Amino acid sequence: MELILACVAAYILGSVPTAVLAGKLFAGIDVREHGSGNAGATNTLRVLGAKIAIPVLLIDIAKGLLATRLVYLNFFEVGFILSNTVETKLILGIAAVIGHIFPLFAGFKGGKGIATFFGVILGIHLQSALISLGVFILVVSITRYVSLGSILGALFYPVQLIFIIGIDSVFIKIFSLLIPIIVIYTHRKNIDRLLKGEESKIKLVKN
């Protein structure tokens, strides 16, 4: 019961539609009706600029990180929670990512989960999070494609976690393989545009 309640809390946390709220609050628009139609930080950057997109990005990362911290709340003091801390953090993190992709408070039409996934990884294993971030930054700085950076960062995550860092936990290995599957699924339209040469390159400032 404790784990179920924790997952519900994590899902609700992930369901906070940061980009949608920011668009309505600061520009009176729904960002999902503009740009790529995605409720994430990248589309917020395209539509509203960096001043609004950066806080959206940080809050979306915080949603994943805070979800992993739900294990420390007092009403999660028995059974599964304490005996499997890392595994439980991952379960709660996945619940938050699902909330971000299918938000309860925004008609189940949310973002692609990259920032929230990063927050989860940050809360689980700092070194692997920084390596994946490095891959993302390198790819984006060279190509200017955020989608490509996200995809390659996700694909490299299980590689570096298993073969470079050498994590032993089977549960974490399964989680690491789940990330690129979800990221590729949420970026399937981006992949199609990349293959056709139609994907938009990111700009650091709004014109």
Protein backbone atom coordinates (compact mmCIF):
# COMPACT_ATOMS: atom_id res chain seq x y z
CA MET A 1 0.00 0.00 0.00
CA GLU A 2 2.87 2.38 0.84
CA LEU A 3 4.45 1.81 -2.57
CA ILE A 4 1.14 2.35 -4.38
CA LEU A 5 0.58 5.64 -2.54
CA ALA A 6 4.13 6.71 -3.32
CA CYS A 7 3.67 5.93 -7.04
CA VAL A 8 0.43 7.92 -7.13
CA ALA A 9 2.21 10.85 -5.46
CA ALA A 10 5.10 10.61 -7.95
CA TYR A 11 2.71 10.46 -10.91
CA ILE A 12 0.84 13.54 -9.66
CA LEU A 13 4.16 15.34 -9.19
CA GLY A 14 5.19 14.46 -12.73
CA SER A 15 1.78 15.56 -14.02
CA VAL A 16 2.40 19.21 -13.16
CA PRO A 17 2.40 20.64 -16.74
CA THR A 18 5.21 23.15 -16.32
CA ALA A 19 5.44 24.27 -19.95
CA VAL A 20 1.67 24.57 -20.32
CA LEU A 21 1.35 26.61 -17.13
CA ALA A 22 4.28 28.85 -18.11
CA GLY A 23 2.79 29.51 -21.53
CA LYS A 24 -0.59 30.43 -20.12
CA LEU A 25 0.86 32.50 -17.28
CA PHE A 26 3.43 34.51 -19.22
CA ALA A 27 2.02 34.61 -22.75
CA GLY A 28 -1.63 33.59 -22.52
CA ILE A 29 -1.08 30.65 -24.87
CA ASP A 30 -0.91 26.88 -24.78
CA VAL A 31 2.57 25.97 -26.05
CA ARG A 32 1.13 22.71 -27.39
CA GLU A 33 -0.66 24.77 -30.03
CA HIS A 34 2.59 26.29 -31.27
CA GLY A 35 5.99 25.16 -32.52
CA SER A 36 6.39 21.40 -32.38
CA GLY A 37 3.26 21.02 -30.26
CA ASN A 38 5.24 19.47 -27.43
CA ALA A 39 4.78 20.50 -23.79
CA GLY A 40 8.45 20.53 -22.93
CA ALA A 41 11.34 22.91 -22.36
CA THR A 42 12.63 22.73 -25.95
CA ASN A 43 9.36 23.83 -27.49
CA THR A 44 9.00 26.44 -24.77
CA LEU A 45 12.40 27.78 -25.85
CA ARG A 46 11.26 27.95 -29.47
CA VAL A 47 7.96 29.60 -28.67
CA LEU A 48 8.65 31.76 -25.61
CA GLY A 49 12.42 32.14 -25.37
CA ALA A 50 15.13 31.19 -22.91
CA LYS A 51 13.95 33.30 -19.96
CA ILE A 52 10.85 31.14 -19.65
CA ALA A 53 12.28 27.88 -21.01
CA ILE A 54 15.14 27.64 -18.50
CA PRO A 55 12.86 27.68 -15.41
CA VAL A 56 10.57 25.17 -17.16
CA LEU A 57 13.57 22.91 -17.76
CA LEU A 58 14.78 23.17 -14.16
CA ILE A 59 11.32 22.45 -12.73
CA ASP A 60 10.87 19.44 -15.02
CA ILE A 61 14.24 18.10 -13.85
CA ALA A 62 13.22 18.76 -10.25
CA LYS A 63 10.05 16.69 -10.72
CA GLY A 64 12.13 13.59 -11.44
CA LEU A 65 14.60 14.31 -8.67
CA LEU A 66 11.89 14.99 -6.08
CA ALA A 67 10.06 11.80 -7.07
CA THR A 68 13.12 9.77 -6.03
CA ARG A 69 13.10 11.61 -2.71
CA LEU A 70 9.56 10.54 -1.82
CA VAL A 71 11.10 7.47 -0.15
CA TYR A 72 12.22 9.70 2.69
CA LEU A 73 8.73 10.81 3.68
CA ASN A 74 7.67 9.49 7.09
CA PHE A 75 4.70 7.45 5.88
CA PHE A 76 7.00 5.26 3.76
CA GLU A 77 8.75 3.64 6.72
CA VAL A 78 7.92 -0.03 6.30
CA GLY A 79 8.52 -3.01 4.06
CA PHE A 80 9.49 -2.58 0.43
CA ILE A 81 10.51 1.06 0.71
CA LEU A 82 13.33 0.62 3.21
CA SER A 83 14.56 -2.76 2.01
CA ASN A 84 14.91 -1.71 -1.64
CA THR A 85 15.75 1.98 -1.62
CA VAL A 86 17.38 2.31 -5.05
CA GLU A 87 14.82 0.09 -6.76
CA THR A 88 11.99 2.02 -5.17
CA LYS A 89 13.48 5.35 -6.24
CA LEU A 90 13.54 4.07 -9.80
CA ILE A 91 9.92 2.94 -9.63
CA LEU A 92 8.87 6.34 -8.29
CA GLY A 93 10.98 8.09 -10.91
CA ILE A 94 9.32 6.13 -13.71
CA ALA A 95 5.92 7.07 -12.28
CA ALA A 96 6.92 10.74 -12.43
CA VAL A 97 8.11 10.39 -16.04
CA ILE A 98 4.81 8.75 -16.99
CA GLY A 99 3.06 11.68 -15.32
CA HIS A 100 5.11 14.13 -17.38
CA ILE A 101 4.38 12.33 -20.65
CA PHE A 102 0.71 11.69 -19.82
CA PRO A 103 -0.16 14.49 -17.35
CA LEU A 104 -3.38 14.21 -15.39
CA PHE A 105 -3.71 18.01 -15.30
CA ALA A 106 -3.21 18.65 -19.02
CA GLY A 107 -5.45 16.18 -20.83
CA PHE A 108 -2.78 13.45 -20.78
CA LYS A 109 -0.83 15.31 -23.48
CA GLY A 110 2.54 16.27 -22.08
CA GLY A 111 6.23 16.40 -22.90
CA LYS A 112 8.70 13.73 -23.94
CA GLY A 113 10.13 13.09 -20.49
CA ILE A 114 13.80 13.86 -21.13
CA ALA A 115 14.27 16.48 -18.40
CA THR A 116 12.28 14.47 -15.88
CA PHE A 117 14.23 11.32 -16.77
CA PHE A 118 17.43 13.28 -16.18
CA GLY A 119 16.15 14.32 -12.76
CA VAL A 120 15.49 10.67 -11.91
CA ILE A 121 19.00 9.65 -13.01
CA LEU A 122 20.41 12.57 -11.04
CA GLY A 123 18.66 11.28 -7.94
CA ILE A 124 19.93 7.73 -8.47
CA HIS A 125 23.49 7.99 -9.75
CA LEU A 126 25.18 11.38 -10.18
CA GLN A 127 28.11 10.12 -12.28
CA SER A 128 25.94 8.47 -14.93
CA ALA A 129 23.71 11.56 -15.07
CA LEU A 130 26.71 13.81 -15.74
CA ILE A 131 28.06 11.49 -18.45
CA SER A 132 24.70 11.43 -20.23
CA LEU A 133 24.46 15.21 -19.90
CA GLY A 134 27.91 15.50 -21.45
CA VAL A 135 26.85 13.40 -24.44
CA PHE A 136 23.71 15.51 -24.84
CA ILE A 137 25.61 18.82 -24.70
CA LEU A 138 28.26 17.59 -27.15
CA VAL A 139 25.73 16.39 -29.72
CA VAL A 140 23.55 19.51 -29.45
CA SER A 141 26.55 21.86 -29.62
CA ILE A 142 27.69 20.16 -32.85
CA THR A 143 24.36 19.52 -34.59
CA ARG A 144 21.98 22.00 -32.89
CA TYR A 145 19.40 19.20 -32.76
CA VAL A 146 18.03 18.78 -29.23
CA SER A 147 16.11 15.69 -30.28
CA LEU A 148 19.26 14.00 -31.59
CA GLY A 149 21.14 14.90 -28.41
CA SER A 150 18.34 13.43 -26.32
CA ILE A 151 18.19 10.22 -28.34
CA LEU A 152 21.96 9.64 -28.38
CA GLY A 153 22.26 10.54 -24.70
CA ALA A 154 19.56 7.99 -23.91
CA LEU A 155 21.15 5.32 -26.12
CA PHE A 156 24.54 5.85 -24.50
CA TYR A 157 23.11 5.70 -20.97
CA PRO A 158 22.91 1.88 -20.63
CA VAL A 159 26.27 1.53 -22.42
CA GLN A 160 28.14 3.76 -19.99
CA LEU A 161 26.23 2.45 -16.98
CA ILE A 162 26.93 -1.21 -17.71
CA PHE A 163 30.31 -1.16 -19.46
CA ILE A 164 32.03 1.98 -18.14
CA ILE A 165 30.72 2.47 -14.61
CA GLY A 166 29.97 -1.22 -14.10
CA ILE A 167 26.70 -1.17 -12.16
CA ASP A 168 25.85 -4.63 -10.76
CA SER A 169 22.15 -4.15 -10.00
CA VAL A 170 19.96 -6.06 -12.46
CA PHE A 171 17.08 -3.71 -11.71
CA ILE A 172 19.13 -0.64 -12.63
CA LYS A 173 20.35 -2.35 -15.81
CA ILE A 174 16.75 -3.03 -16.84
CA PHE A 175 15.87 0.59 -16.06
CA SER A 176 18.81 1.80 -18.16
CA LEU A 177 17.55 -0.23 -21.13
CA LEU A 178 14.02 1.08 -20.63
CA ILE A 179 15.13 4.71 -21.01
CA PRO A 180 16.20 4.56 -24.69
CA ILE A 181 13.07 2.56 -25.57
CA ILE A 182 10.81 5.25 -24.09
CA VAL A 183 12.89 8.10 -25.51
CA ILE A 184 12.85 6.62 -29.02
CA TYR A 185 9.07 6.12 -28.74
CA THR A 186 8.42 9.70 -27.61
CA HIS A 187 10.78 11.01 -30.30
CA ARG A 188 9.45 8.90 -33.17
CA LYS A 189 8.18 11.98 -35.03
CA ASN A 190 11.51 13.73 -34.48
CA ILE A 191 13.34 10.71 -35.87
CA ASP A 192 11.15 10.82 -38.97
CA ARG A 193 11.90 14.54 -39.43
CA LEU A 194 15.63 13.94 -38.86
CA LEU A 195 15.68 11.27 -41.55
CA LYS A 196 13.86 13.62 -43.93
CA GLY A 197 16.12 16.57 -43.04
CA GLU A 198 13.14 18.52 -41.73
CA GLU A 199 13.96 18.70 -38.01
CA SER A 200 14.27 22.22 -36.59
CA LYS A 201 17.58 23.30 -35.12
CA ILE A 202 17.54 24.94 -31.72
CA LYS A 203 18.30 28.61 -31.15
CA LEU A 204 19.58 29.92 -27.84
CA VAL A 205 17.66 33.14 -28.07
CA LYS A 206 14.22 33.93 -29.38
CA ASN A 207 14.12 36.07 -32.53
